[in-house]
């Protein structure tokens, strides 16, 4: 979003990124395709949502802020996302599934 001139450009670029990452998740991450105890909808929908939830929420937050932050700030926010938010999301996701 940093290099986009308009919000619609940022949304289009993010949509293209999702179009690449969702099939990559299906190919590289989902391993339970032949598990009879697991619903197929879990492979098609749940895994991509679980993996892409945090980046999508933060993209929406950055889009609402509508300010161009310095590159160092984006790097710090990305590190915070990886270190804090991603593990928290997976713990909460695990608690919901139990």
Protein backbone atom coordinates (compact mmCIF):
# COMPACT_ATOMS: atom_id res chain seq x y z
CA UNK A 1 0.00 0.00 0.00
CA UNK A 2 2.99 2.27 0.50
CA UNK A 3 3.59 2.81 -3.21
CA UNK A 4 -0.05 2.93 -4.27
CA UNK A 5 -1.46 6.27 -5.29
CA UNK A 6 -5.04 5.39 -4.36
CA UNK A 7 -6.78 3.01 -2.00
CA UNK A 8 -8.28 1.16 -4.96
CA UNK A 9 -4.76 0.46 -6.26
CA UNK A 10 -3.77 -0.97 -2.89
CA UNK A 11 -6.90 -3.15 -2.80
CA UNK A 12 -6.22 -4.40 -6.32
CA UNK A 13 -2.61 -5.28 -5.46
CA UNK A 14 -3.70 -7.03 -2.28
CA UNK A 15 -6.34 -8.95 -4.22
CA UNK A 16 -3.67 -10.08 -6.68
CA UNK A 17 -1.46 -11.17 -3.79
CA UNK A 18 -4.35 -13.18 -2.34
CA UNK A 19 -4.97 -14.73 -5.75
CA UNK A 20 -1.40 -16.04 -5.64
CA UNK A 21 -1.25 -17.02 -1.96
CA UNK A 22 -4.53 -18.94 -1.66
CA UNK A 23 -3.57 -21.59 -4.27
CA UNK A 24 -0.08 -21.70 -2.75
CA UNK A 25 -1.65 -22.45 0.64
CA UNK A 26 -3.73 -25.22 -0.90
CA UNK A 27 -0.68 -26.69 -2.59
CA UNK A 28 2.00 -26.27 0.09
CA UNK A 29 0.24 -26.09 3.46
CA UNK A 30 -2.92 -28.18 3.34
CA UNK A 31 -2.00 -31.82 3.84
CA UNK A 32 -5.34 -33.35 4.87
CA UNK A 33 -6.94 -33.68 1.45
CA UNK A 34 -7.40 -37.45 1.83
CA UNK A 35 -8.42 -37.42 5.49
CA UNK A 36 -11.91 -38.92 5.67
CA UNK A 37 -12.48 -37.49 9.17
CA UNK A 38 -12.04 -33.93 7.90
CA UNK A 39 -14.59 -32.02 5.86
CA UNK A 40 -13.31 -30.80 2.49
CA UNK A 41 -14.55 -27.30 3.27
CA UNK A 42 -11.86 -27.18 5.95
CA UNK A 43 -9.17 -27.63 3.33
CA UNK A 44 -10.69 -25.19 0.85
CA UNK A 45 -11.76 -22.39 3.21
CA UNK A 46 -10.64 -22.76 6.83
CA UNK A 47 -6.89 -23.10 6.27
CA UNK A 48 -6.56 -20.02 4.01
CA UNK A 49 -8.69 -17.98 6.43
CA UNK A 50 -6.59 -19.13 9.37
CA UNK A 51 -3.36 -18.20 7.63
CA UNK A 52 -4.41 -14.94 5.96
CA UNK A 53 -6.60 -13.45 8.72
CA UNK A 54 -3.92 -11.40 10.50
CA UNK A 55 -2.38 -9.90 7.33
CA UNK A 56 -5.84 -9.06 5.97
CA UNK A 57 -6.94 -7.32 9.17
CA UNK A 58 -3.72 -5.30 9.30
CA UNK A 59 -4.10 -4.39 5.62
CA UNK A 60 -7.57 -3.05 6.41
CA UNK A 61 -6.19 -1.07 9.36
CA UNK A 62 -3.44 0.45 7.20
CA UNK A 63 -6.03 1.25 4.54
CA UNK A 64 -8.19 3.05 7.10
CA UNK A 65 -5.24 5.02 8.46
CA UNK A 66 -4.53 6.26 4.91
CA UNK A 67 -1.15 7.68 5.77
CA UNK A 68 2.15 6.71 4.27
CA UNK A 69 4.36 5.52 7.07
CA UNK A 70 8.13 5.36 6.89
CA UNK A 71 9.67 2.07 5.79
CA UNK A 72 11.18 1.51 9.25
CA UNK A 73 7.73 1.79 10.83
CA UNK A 74 6.35 -0.82 8.41
CA UNK A 75 9.26 -3.13 9.26
CA UNK A 76 8.64 -2.71 13.00
CA UNK A 77 4.91 -3.31 12.54
CA UNK A 78 5.65 -6.43 10.48
CA UNK A 79 7.97 -7.74 13.17
CA UNK A 80 5.30 -7.09 15.80
CA UNK A 81 2.79 -8.91 13.61
CA UNK A 82 5.04 -11.96 13.32
CA UNK A 83 6.15 -12.03 16.95
CA UNK A 84 2.89 -11.09 18.71
CA UNK A 85 -0.20 -11.28 16.57
CA UNK A 86 0.41 -14.45 14.59
CA UNK A 87 1.05 -16.69 17.64
CA UNK A 88 -1.89 -15.10 19.45
CA UNK A 89 -4.17 -15.75 16.48
CA UNK A 90 -3.12 -19.39 16.24
CA UNK A 91 -3.67 -19.93 19.99
CA UNK A 92 -7.14 -18.38 19.75
CA UNK A 93 -7.89 -20.38 16.60
CA UNK A 94 -6.87 -23.57 18.40
CA UNK A 95 -9.12 -22.68 21.35
CA UNK A 96 -12.08 -22.13 19.02
CA UNK A 97 -11.58 -25.51 17.36
CA UNK A 98 -11.60 -27.39 20.67
